[in-house]
N, C-alpha and C. Protein backbone atom coordinates (compact mmCIF):
# COMPACT_ATOMS: atom_id res chain seq x y z
N MET A 1 4.90 -4.43 -31.26
CA MET A 1 5.72 -4.17 -31.76
C MET A 1 6.46 -5.26 -32.64
N ALA A 2 6.22 -6.85 -32.04
CA ALA A 2 6.64 -7.84 -32.60
C ALA A 2 5.30 -8.41 -33.50
N ALA A 3 4.23 -7.80 -33.29
CA ALA A 3 2.94 -7.83 -34.50
C ALA A 3 3.40 -7.31 -35.63
N ALA A 4 3.47 -5.84 -35.02
CA ALA A 4 3.71 -4.80 -36.50
C ALA A 4 4.38 -5.75 -37.58
N ILE A 5 5.90 -5.83 -36.88
CA ILE A 5 7.27 -6.47 -37.65
C ILE A 5 6.53 -8.05 -38.36
N GLU A 6 5.38 -8.69 -38.22
CA GLU A 6 5.09 -9.56 -38.57
C GLU A 6 3.70 -9.49 -39.33
N HIS A 7 3.28 -8.23 -39.38
CA HIS A 7 2.38 -8.02 -39.91
C HIS A 7 1.14 -8.41 -39.54
N ILE A 8 0.65 -8.22 -38.17
CA ILE A 8 -0.52 -8.95 -37.45
C ILE A 8 -1.01 -7.99 -37.25
N GLU A 9 -2.41 -7.41 -37.48
CA GLU A 9 -3.21 -6.76 -36.98
C GLU A 9 -4.20 -7.39 -35.91
N ILE A 10 -3.68 -6.41 -34.86
CA ILE A 10 -4.26 -6.62 -33.80
C ILE A 10 -5.57 -5.91 -33.39
N ALA A 11 -6.82 -6.93 -33.09
CA ALA A 11 -8.22 -5.80 -33.15
C ALA A 11 -7.90 -5.95 -31.30
N THR A 12 -7.80 -6.67 -30.27
CA THR A 12 -8.15 -6.53 -28.73
C THR A 12 -6.54 -6.69 -28.42
N LEU A 13 -6.14 -5.82 -27.62
CA LEU A 13 -5.07 -5.95 -26.14
C LEU A 13 -4.94 -4.95 -25.48
N GLU A 14 -5.68 -6.11 -24.32
CA GLU A 14 -5.92 -5.62 -22.90
C GLU A 14 -4.77 -6.13 -22.28
N VAL A 15 -3.89 -5.24 -20.99
CA VAL A 15 -2.70 -5.79 -20.05
C VAL A 15 -2.77 -5.00 -18.90
N SER A 16 -3.85 -6.27 -17.58
CA SER A 16 -3.37 -6.22 -16.36
C SER A 16 -2.91 -7.05 -15.82
N ALA A 17 -2.59 -6.01 -14.71
CA ALA A 17 -1.03 -6.89 -13.78
C ALA A 17 -1.66 -6.47 -11.95
N SER A 18 -1.29 -7.63 -11.61
CA SER A 18 -1.89 -7.67 -9.91
C SER A 18 -0.81 -8.21 -9.51
N SER A 19 -0.67 -7.98 -8.25
CA SER A 19 0.76 -8.37 -7.66
C SER A 19 0.12 -9.04 -6.12
N HIS A 20 0.83 -9.65 -5.51
CA HIS A 20 -0.02 -10.23 -3.58
C HIS A 20 1.09 -9.83 -3.16
N SER A 21 0.86 -9.47 -2.25
CA SER A 21 2.28 -8.59 -0.97
C SER A 21 1.45 -9.48 0.46
N ASP A 22 2.40 -9.08 1.45
CA ASP A 22 2.26 -9.62 3.25
C ASP A 22 2.28 -7.75 3.06
N ALA A 23 0.88 -7.27 4.06
CA ALA A 23 0.50 -6.83 4.16
C ALA A 23 1.75 -6.15 5.36
N ARG A 24 1.75 -6.92 6.17
CA ARG A 24 2.95 -6.80 7.43
C ARG A 24 4.96 -6.34 6.98
N GLY A 25 4.65 -6.19 5.56
CA GLY A 25 6.01 -5.47 5.60
C GLY A 25 6.08 -4.21 5.04
N LEU A 26 4.55 -3.64 4.76
CA LEU A 26 4.43 -2.12 4.43
C LEU A 26 5.07 -1.23 5.84
N LEU A 27 4.22 -2.36 7.03
CA LEU A 27 4.68 -2.02 8.65
C LEU A 27 5.47 -2.09 8.98
N GLY A 28 6.57 -2.98 8.11
CA GLY A 28 8.24 -3.23 8.91
C GLY A 28 7.95 -3.74 9.73
N MET A 29 6.85 -5.20 10.04
CA MET A 29 7.08 -6.12 10.75
C MET A 29 7.84 -7.07 10.38
N ARG A 30 8.63 -8.30 11.42
CA ARG A 30 9.05 -9.45 11.41
C ARG A 30 8.34 -10.80 11.38
N THR A 31 8.94 -11.39 10.83
CA THR A 31 7.85 -12.85 11.09
C THR A 31 8.58 -13.22 12.42
N SER A 32 7.78 -14.44 12.98
CA SER A 32 8.34 -15.09 14.50
C SER A 32 9.96 -15.50 14.42
N ASP A 33 10.42 -15.55 13.42
CA ASP A 33 11.67 -16.15 13.92
C ASP A 33 12.37 -14.66 14.09
N GLY A 34 11.79 -13.70 13.73
CA GLY A 34 12.51 -12.03 14.08
C GLY A 34 13.04 -11.86 12.36
N ALA A 35 12.87 -12.39 11.49
CA ALA A 35 13.41 -11.42 10.20
C ALA A 35 12.60 -10.94 9.69
N LEU A 36 13.14 -9.48 8.87
CA LEU A 36 12.00 -8.64 8.19
C LEU A 36 10.92 -9.44 7.14
N VAL A 37 9.82 -8.74 7.05
CA VAL A 37 9.22 -9.54 6.46
C VAL A 37 9.15 -8.44 4.64
N ASP A 38 9.29 -8.62 3.81
CA ASP A 38 9.58 -7.95 2.45
C ASP A 38 8.44 -7.27 2.40
N ALA A 39 8.66 -5.65 1.80
CA ALA A 39 7.96 -4.93 1.81
C ALA A 39 7.37 -4.80 0.05
N GLY A 40 7.96 -5.27 -1.02
CA GLY A 40 7.62 -5.91 -2.17
C GLY A 40 6.92 -7.03 -2.31
N PRO A 41 6.09 -7.26 -3.47
CA PRO A 41 5.09 -8.03 -3.84
C PRO A 41 6.39 -9.78 -3.89
N VAL A 42 5.04 -9.94 -3.08
CA VAL A 42 5.54 -11.72 -3.23
C VAL A 42 5.46 -12.50 -4.80
N GLY A 43 4.05 -12.05 -5.61
CA GLY A 43 3.99 -12.37 -6.87
C GLY A 43 3.57 -11.85 -7.31
N MET A 44 3.90 -11.41 -8.92
CA MET A 44 2.84 -11.02 -10.12
C MET A 44 2.25 -11.90 -10.71
N GLU A 45 0.68 -11.12 -11.28
CA GLU A 45 0.45 -11.89 -12.38
C GLU A 45 -0.28 -10.98 -13.53
N LEU A 46 0.44 -10.98 -14.87
CA LEU A 46 0.23 -9.81 -15.77
C LEU A 46 -1.00 -11.17 -17.03
N LEU A 47 -2.05 -10.34 -17.33
CA LEU A 47 -3.22 -11.21 -17.46
C LEU A 47 -3.03 -10.43 -19.05
N VAL A 48 -3.46 -11.15 -20.09
CA VAL A 48 -2.68 -10.37 -21.43
C VAL A 48 -4.46 -10.96 -21.91
N ARG A 49 -5.33 -10.06 -22.41
CA ARG A 49 -6.15 -9.96 -23.75
C ARG A 49 -5.83 -9.75 -24.70
N ILE A 50 -6.22 -10.49 -25.92
CA ILE A 50 -5.98 -10.34 -27.46
C ILE A 50 -6.26 -11.47 -28.40
N SER A 51 -6.49 -10.19 -29.20
CA SER A 51 -7.44 -11.12 -30.79
C SER A 51 -6.55 -10.57 -31.93
N ALA A 52 -6.51 -11.29 -32.48
CA ALA A 52 -6.14 -10.69 -34.34
C ALA A 52 -7.27 -11.75 -35.20
N PRO A 53 -8.23 -11.02 -35.86
CA PRO A 53 -8.76 -11.70 -36.66
C PRO A 53 -8.29 -12.77 -37.84
N GLY A 54 -7.98 -13.76 -37.89
CA GLY A 54 -7.57 -14.75 -38.76
C GLY A 54 -5.88 -15.39 -38.61
N ILE A 55 -5.65 -15.19 -37.15
CA ILE A 55 -4.58 -15.49 -36.57
C ILE A 55 -4.67 -16.92 -35.73
N ALA A 56 -4.29 -17.73 -35.55
CA ALA A 56 -3.90 -18.90 -35.04
C ALA A 56 -3.51 -18.75 -33.04
N LEU A 57 -4.60 -19.09 -32.32
CA LEU A 57 -4.55 -18.83 -31.16
C LEU A 57 -3.01 -18.97 -30.92
N GLU A 58 -2.51 -20.36 -31.03
CA GLU A 58 -1.36 -20.80 -30.50
C GLU A 58 -0.09 -19.62 -31.43
N ARG A 59 -0.68 -19.06 -32.57
CA ARG A 59 0.13 -18.28 -32.88
C ARG A 59 0.34 -16.58 -32.01
N LEU A 60 -0.34 -16.60 -31.48
CA LEU A 60 -0.65 -15.02 -30.66
C LEU A 60 -0.26 -15.43 -29.28
N ARG A 61 -0.52 -16.35 -28.59
CA ARG A 61 0.37 -16.99 -27.67
C ARG A 61 1.53 -16.72 -27.73
N SER A 62 1.98 -17.17 -28.60
CA SER A 62 3.41 -17.53 -28.38
C SER A 62 4.16 -16.18 -29.11
N LEU A 63 3.42 -15.28 -29.65
CA LEU A 63 3.63 -13.76 -30.16
C LEU A 63 3.49 -12.99 -28.29
N VAL A 64 2.68 -13.22 -27.63
CA VAL A 64 2.80 -12.74 -26.30
C VAL A 64 4.12 -13.38 -25.24
N GLU A 65 4.17 -14.56 -25.57
CA GLU A 65 5.21 -15.15 -24.58
C GLU A 65 6.51 -14.62 -24.69
N GLU A 66 6.60 -14.48 -26.79
CA GLU A 66 7.89 -13.84 -27.26
C GLU A 66 8.34 -12.16 -26.44
N SER A 67 7.03 -11.75 -26.77
CA SER A 67 7.09 -10.15 -26.20
C SER A 67 7.34 -10.25 -24.91
N GLN A 68 7.06 -10.83 -23.95
CA GLN A 68 7.33 -10.82 -22.67
C GLN A 68 8.98 -10.87 -22.20
N ARG A 69 9.32 -11.51 -23.21
CA ARG A 69 10.93 -12.14 -22.98
C ARG A 69 11.56 -10.54 -23.32
N CYS A 70 11.23 -9.71 -23.58
CA CYS A 70 12.08 -8.34 -24.37
C CYS A 70 10.67 -6.76 -23.74
N SER A 71 10.19 -7.60 -22.68
CA SER A 71 9.78 -6.62 -21.68
C SER A 71 10.52 -5.63 -21.42
N PRO A 72 10.77 -4.20 -20.89
CA PRO A 72 11.31 -3.99 -20.26
C PRO A 72 10.61 -3.86 -18.41
N VAL A 73 9.26 -4.25 -18.27
CA VAL A 73 8.35 -4.06 -16.85
C VAL A 73 9.01 -5.37 -16.55
N GLY A 74 9.01 -6.66 -17.48
CA GLY A 74 9.26 -7.33 -17.03
C GLY A 74 10.59 -7.81 -16.12
N ASP A 75 11.62 -7.17 -17.31
CA ASP A 75 12.83 -7.18 -17.07
C ASP A 75 13.42 -6.96 -15.86
N ALA A 76 12.42 -5.62 -15.58
CA ALA A 76 12.82 -4.80 -14.42
C ALA A 76 12.34 -5.33 -12.89
N LEU A 77 11.02 -6.69 -12.90
CA LEU A 77 11.12 -7.10 -12.01
C LEU A 77 11.81 -8.31 -11.56
N CYS A 78 12.35 -8.95 -12.84
CA CYS A 78 13.04 -10.51 -12.76
C CYS A 78 14.61 -10.16 -12.27
N ARG A 79 15.12 -8.76 -12.38
CA ARG A 79 15.97 -8.33 -11.61
C ARG A 79 16.29 -7.85 -10.96
N GLU A 80 17.30 -7.30 -9.65
CA GLU A 80 18.02 -6.52 -8.82
C GLU A 80 18.34 -4.97 -10.05
N ILE A 81 17.52 -3.73 -9.81
CA ILE A 81 17.73 -2.73 -10.13
C ILE A 81 18.39 -1.63 -9.31
N PRO A 82 19.75 -1.12 -9.56
CA PRO A 82 19.89 -0.28 -8.40
C PRO A 82 18.88 1.05 -8.35
N ILE A 83 18.53 1.38 -7.35
CA ILE A 83 17.35 2.72 -7.11
C ILE A 83 18.24 3.86 -6.39
N SER A 84 17.95 5.21 -6.92
CA SER A 84 18.51 5.94 -6.35
C SER A 84 17.46 7.08 -5.83
N LEU A 85 17.79 7.55 -4.42
CA LEU A 85 16.89 7.88 -3.78
C LEU A 85 17.53 9.60 -3.44
N ARG A 86 16.08 10.59 -4.22
CA ARG A 86 16.62 11.95 -3.70
C ARG A 86 15.69 12.25 -3.26
N ILE A 87 16.42 13.10 -2.02
CA ILE A 87 15.27 13.79 -1.49
C ILE A 87 15.47 15.83 -1.64
N ASP A 88 14.34 16.22 -1.73
CA ASP A 88 14.16 17.60 -2.28
C ASP A 88 13.11 18.47 -1.33
N ILE A 89 13.35 19.06 -0.27
CA ILE A 89 12.69 19.35 0.74
C ILE A 89 12.62 21.21 0.77
N ASP A 90 11.33 21.94 0.46
CA ASP A 90 11.44 23.02 0.04
C ASP A 90 11.18 23.61 1.44
N GLY A 91 12.09 24.66 1.27
CA GLY A 91 12.81 25.43 2.75
C GLY A 91 11.53 26.38 3.12
N SER A 92 10.40 26.67 2.22
CA SER A 92 10.12 27.60 2.20
C SER A 92 8.43 27.62 2.68
């Protein structure tokens, strides 16, 4: 959206996300001092591949960095948000 506002025509835009986790957390295991191992990711990486003919590399880098600050995904991952658990068990 930011590129469109600035009339930048993007030729390539690919985003991949990866995370690093401690599998012990998925099993409810504890550390040697008895603390529960977190089940969630301990680190995440976003890889953005972008190209736009005639646009300077630094401008594209800046565009991606600015967009990251407005990303709902990044925002949700960087702060604690409430999660509601609903369970619906079909009795039939």
